[in-house]
C-alpha atoms as a PDB file:
ATOM      1  CA  MET A   1       4.218 -19.786  59.031  1.00  0.00           C
ATOM      2  CA  SER A   2       6.276 -22.975  58.975  1.00  0.00           C
ATOM      3  CA  GLU A   3       9.877 -23.251  57.852  1.00  0.00           C
ATOM      4  CA  PRO A   4      10.414 -23.995  54.165  1.00  0.00           C
ATOM      5  CA  PHE A   5      11.360 -27.504  53.090  1.00  0.00           C
ATOM      6  CA  ALA A   6      15.153 -28.042  53.051  1.00  0.00           C
ATOM      7  CA  VAL A   7      17.770 -30.643  52.123  1.00  0.00           C
ATOM      8  CA  SER A   8      21.409 -30.933  53.202  1.00  0.00           C
ATOM      9  CA  ILE A   9      24.196 -31.240  50.645  1.00  0.00           C
ATOM     10  CA  THR A  10      27.963 -31.542  50.983  1.00  0.00           C
ATOM     11  CA  VAL A  11      29.848 -29.705  48.228  1.00  0.00           C
ATOM     12  CA  ARG A  12      31.870 -32.266  46.269  1.00  0.00           C
ATOM     13  CA  GLY A  13      35.313 -31.530  44.858  1.00  0.00           C
ATOM     14  CA  TYR A  14      34.363 -32.284  41.272  1.00  0.00           C
ATOM     15  CA  GLU A  15      31.676 -29.579  41.464  1.00  0.00           C
ATOM     16  CA  THR A  16      34.252 -26.831  41.927  1.00  0.00           C
ATOM     17  CA  ASP A  17      35.922 -24.678  39.298  1.00  0.00           C
ATOM     18  CA  THR A  18      39.632 -23.977  38.766  1.00  0.00           C
ATOM     19  CA  GLN A  19      39.532 -21.386  41.587  1.00  0.00           C
ATOM     20  CA  GLY A  20      38.184 -23.958  44.027  1.00  0.00           C
ATOM     21  CA  HIS A  21      34.709 -22.372  44.177  1.00  0.00           C
ATOM     22  CA  LEU A  22      31.468 -24.208  43.614  1.00  0.00           C
ATOM     23  CA  ASN A  23      30.786 -23.897  39.882  1.00  0.00           C
ATOM     24  CA  GLN A  24      28.010 -21.402  39.217  1.00  0.00           C
ATOM     25  CA  ALA A  25      25.859 -23.918  37.291  1.00  0.00           C
ATOM     26  CA  VAL A  26      25.886 -26.358  40.209  1.00  0.00           C
ATOM     27  CA  TYR A  27      23.822 -23.959  42.316  1.00  0.00           C
ATOM     28  CA  LEU A  28      20.981 -24.545  39.838  1.00  0.00           C
ATOM     29  CA  GLN A  29      21.447 -28.299  40.200  1.00  0.00           C
ATOM     30  CA  TYR A  30      21.266 -27.991  43.987  1.00  0.00           C
ATOM     31  CA  ALA A  31      18.050 -25.968  43.642  1.00  0.00           C
ATOM     32  CA  GLU A  32      16.579 -28.570  41.283  1.00  0.00           C
ATOM     33  CA  HIS A  33      17.511 -31.354  43.694  1.00  0.00           C
ATOM     34  CA  ALA A  34      15.724 -29.522  46.522  1.00  0.00           C
ATOM     35  CA  ARG A  35      12.589 -29.020  44.389  1.00  0.00           C
ATOM     36  CA  TRP A  36      12.365 -32.717  43.467  1.00  0.00           C
ATOM     37  CA  SER A  37      13.098 -33.717  47.067  1.00  0.00           C
ATOM     38  CA  MET A  38      10.257 -31.471  48.233  1.00  0.00           C
ATOM     39  CA  LEU A  39       7.851 -33.053  45.749  1.00  0.00           C
ATOM     40  CA  ARG A  40       8.871 -36.535  46.957  1.00  0.00           C
ATOM     41  CA  ALA A  41       8.374 -35.447  50.585  1.00  0.00           C
ATOM     42  CA  ALA A  42       4.882 -34.330  49.579  1.00  0.00           C
ATOM     43  CA  GLY A  43       4.251 -37.821  48.186  1.00  0.00           C
ATOM     44  CA  ILE A  44       4.648 -36.944  44.503  1.00  0.00           C
ATOM     45  CA  GLU A  45       7.078 -39.122  42.585  1.00  0.00           C
ATOM     46  CA  GLN A  46       8.360 -38.070  39.164  1.00  0.00           C
ATOM     47  CA  ARG A  47       6.725 -41.120  37.570  1.00  0.00           C
ATOM     48  CA  ALA A  48       3.344 -40.193  39.081  1.00  0.00           C
ATOM     49  CA  LEU A  49       3.532 -36.745  37.497  1.00  0.00           C
ATOM     50  CA  ILE A  50       4.307 -38.189  34.085  1.00  0.00           C
ATOM     51  CA  ASP A  51       1.638 -40.898  34.443  1.00  0.00           C
ATOM     52  CA  SER A  52      -0.925 -38.200  35.270  1.00  0.00           C
ATOM     53  CA  GLY A  53       0.074 -36.318  32.117  1.00  0.00           C
ATOM     54  CA  VAL A  54       1.847 -33.312  33.656  1.00  0.00           C
ATOM     55  CA  GLY A  55       5.359 -32.109  34.365  1.00  0.00           C
ATOM     56  CA  PRO A  56       6.770 -29.121  36.246  1.00  0.00           C
ATOM     57  CA  VAL A  57       8.552 -26.497  34.163  1.00  0.00           C
ATOM     58  CA  ALA A  58      10.851 -23.632  35.086  1.00  0.00           C
ATOM     59  CA  LEU A  59       9.785 -20.420  33.347  1.00  0.00           C
ATOM     60  CA  GLU A  60      12.293 -18.040  34.929  1.00  0.00           C
ATOM     61  CA  ASN A  61      15.166 -18.238  37.411  1.00  0.00           C
ATOM     62  CA  THR A  62      17.164 -15.490  39.063  1.00  0.00           C
ATOM     63  CA  LEU A  63      20.212 -16.669  40.970  1.00  0.00           C
ATOM     64  CA  ARG A  64      22.133 -14.299  43.243  1.00  0.00           C
ATOM     65  CA  TYR A  65      25.512 -15.273  44.664  1.00  0.00           C
ATOM     66  CA  PHE A  66      26.631 -13.847  48.021  1.00  0.00           C
ATOM     67  CA  ARG A  67      29.396 -16.078  49.422  1.00  0.00           C
ATOM     68  CA  GLU A  68      31.836 -18.644  48.098  1.00  0.00           C
ATOM     69  CA  LEU A  69      31.355 -22.346  48.620  1.00  0.00           C
ATOM     70  CA  HIS A  70      34.238 -24.835  48.593  1.00  0.00           C
ATOM     71  CA  ALA A  71      34.619 -28.609  48.521  1.00  0.00           C
ATOM     72  CA  GLY A  72      33.542 -30.098  51.829  1.00  0.00           C
ATOM     73  CA  ASP A  73      31.230 -27.228  52.792  1.00  0.00           C
ATOM     74  CA  GLU A  74      27.941 -28.373  54.275  1.00  0.00           C
ATOM     75  CA  VAL A  75      24.944 -26.450  52.970  1.00  0.00           C
ATOM     76  CA  THR A  76      21.198 -26.487  53.359  1.00  0.00           C
ATOM     77  CA  VAL A  77      19.095 -25.796  50.286  1.00  0.00           C
ATOM     78  CA  SER A  78      15.579 -24.592  51.084  1.00  0.00           C
ATOM     79  CA  CYS A  79      12.566 -24.576  48.830  1.00  0.00           C
ATOM     80  CA  ALA A  80       9.115 -23.001  49.088  1.00  0.00           C
ATOM     81  CA  PHE A  81       6.363 -22.663  46.507  1.00  0.00           C
ATOM     82  CA  VAL A  82       4.458 -19.393  46.749  1.00  0.00           C
ATOM     83  CA  TRP A  83       0.998 -19.838  45.318  1.00  0.00           C
ATOM     84  CA  GLY A  84      -0.975 -17.148  43.589  1.00  0.00           C
ATOM     85  CA  GLU A  85      -3.704 -17.105  41.016  1.00  0.00           C
ATOM     86  CA  GLY A  86      -3.267 -18.332  37.480  1.00  0.00           C
ATOM     87  CA  LYS A  87      -1.031 -20.769  35.664  1.00  0.00           C
ATOM     88  CA  SER A  88       2.272 -20.026  37.382  1.00  0.00           C
ATOM     89  CA  PHE A  89       3.666 -19.904  40.897  1.00  0.00           C
ATOM     90  CA  LYS A  90       6.808 -18.557  42.520  1.00  0.00           C
ATOM     91  CA  VAL A  91       9.687 -20.649  43.821  1.00  0.00           C
ATOM     92  CA  GLU A  92      11.872 -19.232  46.601  1.00  0.00           C
ATOM     93  CA  GLN A  93      15.108 -20.986  47.534  1.00  0.00           C
ATOM     94  CA  SER A  94      18.297 -20.309  49.442  1.00  0.00           C
ATOM     95  CA  VAL A  95      21.642 -22.053  49.827  1.00  0.00           C
ATOM     96  CA  THR A  96      22.829 -21.559  53.390  1.00  0.00           C
ATOM     97  CA  LYS A  97      26.179 -22.496  54.900  1.00  0.00           C
ATOM     98  CA  ALA A  98      26.391 -24.424  58.185  1.00  0.00           C
ATOM     99  CA  ASP A  99      27.189 -21.187  60.072  1.00  0.00           C
ATOM    100  CA  GLY A 100      23.921 -19.608  58.841  1.00  0.00           C
ATOM    101  CA  THR A 101      25.492 -17.466  56.109  1.00  0.00           C
ATOM    102  CA  VAL A 102      23.392 -17.303  52.955  1.00  0.00           C
ATOM    103  CA  ALA A 103      25.635 -18.236  50.025  1.00  0.00           C
ATOM    104  CA  ALA A 104      23.008 -17.791  47.291  1.00  0.00           C
ATOM    105  CA  THR A 105      19.314 -17.246  46.663  1.00  0.00           C
ATOM    106  CA  LEU A 106      17.186 -18.391  43.775  1.00  0.00           C
ATOM    107  CA  THR A 107      13.829 -16.903  42.913  1.00  0.00           C
ATOM    108  CA  GLY A 108      11.872 -18.354  40.083  1.00  0.00           C
ATOM    109  CA  VAL A 109       8.603 -18.722  38.311  1.00  0.00           C
ATOM    110  CA  ALA A 110       7.327 -22.202  37.511  1.00  0.00           C
ATOM    111  CA  GLY A 111       4.278 -23.912  36.134  1.00  0.00           C
ATOM    112  CA  LEU A 112       2.835 -27.313  35.409  1.00  0.00           C
ATOM    113  CA  LEU A 113       2.785 -28.394  31.770  1.00  0.00           C
ATOM    114  CA  ASP A 114       0.065 -30.617  30.324  1.00  0.00           C
ATOM    115  CA  LEU A 115       2.260 -33.101  28.448  1.00  0.00           C
ATOM    116  CA  THR A 116      -0.402 -33.901  25.819  1.00  0.00           C
ATOM    117  CA  GLU A 117      -1.685 -30.397  25.084  1.00  0.00           C
ATOM    118  CA  ARG A 118       1.770 -28.802  25.596  1.00  0.00           C
ATOM    119  CA  ARG A 119       0.054 -25.960  27.463  1.00  0.00           C
ATOM    120  CA  MET A 120       0.245 -24.797  31.037  1.00  0.00           C
ATOM    121  CA  VAL A 121      -2.269 -26.326  33.467  1.00  0.00           C
ATOM    122  CA  ALA A 122      -4.814 -23.655  34.415  1.00  0.00           C
ATOM    123  CA  ASP A 123      -4.589 -24.323  38.183  1.00  0.00           C
ATOM    124  CA  PRO A 124      -1.286 -25.980  39.159  1.00  0.00           C
ATOM    125  CA  ARG A 125      -2.074 -25.552  42.844  1.00  0.00           C
ATOM    126  CA  GLU A 126      -5.124 -27.828  42.643  1.00  0.00           C
ATOM    127  CA  ARG A 127      -3.334 -30.400  40.468  1.00  0.00           C
ATOM    128  CA  PHE A 128      -0.435 -30.643  42.929  1.00  0.00           C
ATOM    129  CA  LYS A 129      -2.913 -30.842  45.815  1.00  0.00           C
ATOM    130  CA  ALA A 130      -4.711 -33.743  44.146  1.00  0.00           C
ATOM    131  CA  LEU A 131      -1.436 -35.628  43.552  1.00  0.00           C
ATOM    132  CA  ALA A 132       0.129 -35.040  46.986  1.00  0.00           C
ATOM    133  CA  SER A 133      -0.351 -37.329  49.971  1.00  0.00           C
ATOM    134  CA  GLU A 134       1.263 -34.591  52.139  1.00  0.00           C
ATOM    135  CA  PRO A 135       0.117 -31.309  50.515  1.00  0.00           C
ATOM    136  CA  GLY A 136       1.272 -29.246  53.512  1.00  0.00           C
ATOM    137  CA  VAL A 137       4.878 -29.770  52.406  1.00  0.00           C
ATOM    138  CA  LEU A 138       3.966 -27.740  49.297  1.00  0.00           C
ATOM    139  CA  GLY A 139       2.217 -25.025  51.290  1.00  0.00           C
ATOM    140  CA  LEU A 140      -1.217 -26.326  50.310  1.00  0.00           C
END
């Protein structure tokens, strides 16, 4: 199996709290950034999703914190879609420090919303596959 998609991020000072730690909500923003970056790497731009009448939606997220992050820390945020049957799929992500220490993990459930019907697309895997120029990035 190949390595999951990943992006590098430097923790910025304004993202930290009064204790100097990365604010807990920013981890979700990092995860979101990695997801959109993965879609772009697969050849799917946000505009293309909207123009095709669909949009990704987060249905559930579980974020676990393991180590502190501070301004200036270099991290890698990974992202992998785990496909199953049905209308939803799993999202597995980690935030890893430069020394290999996992600072946080995010596991989630996502889907693809039909923007006209306001219902989940029956087979998000096939819809993503049809939109992607590089479906392998998405594990397809």
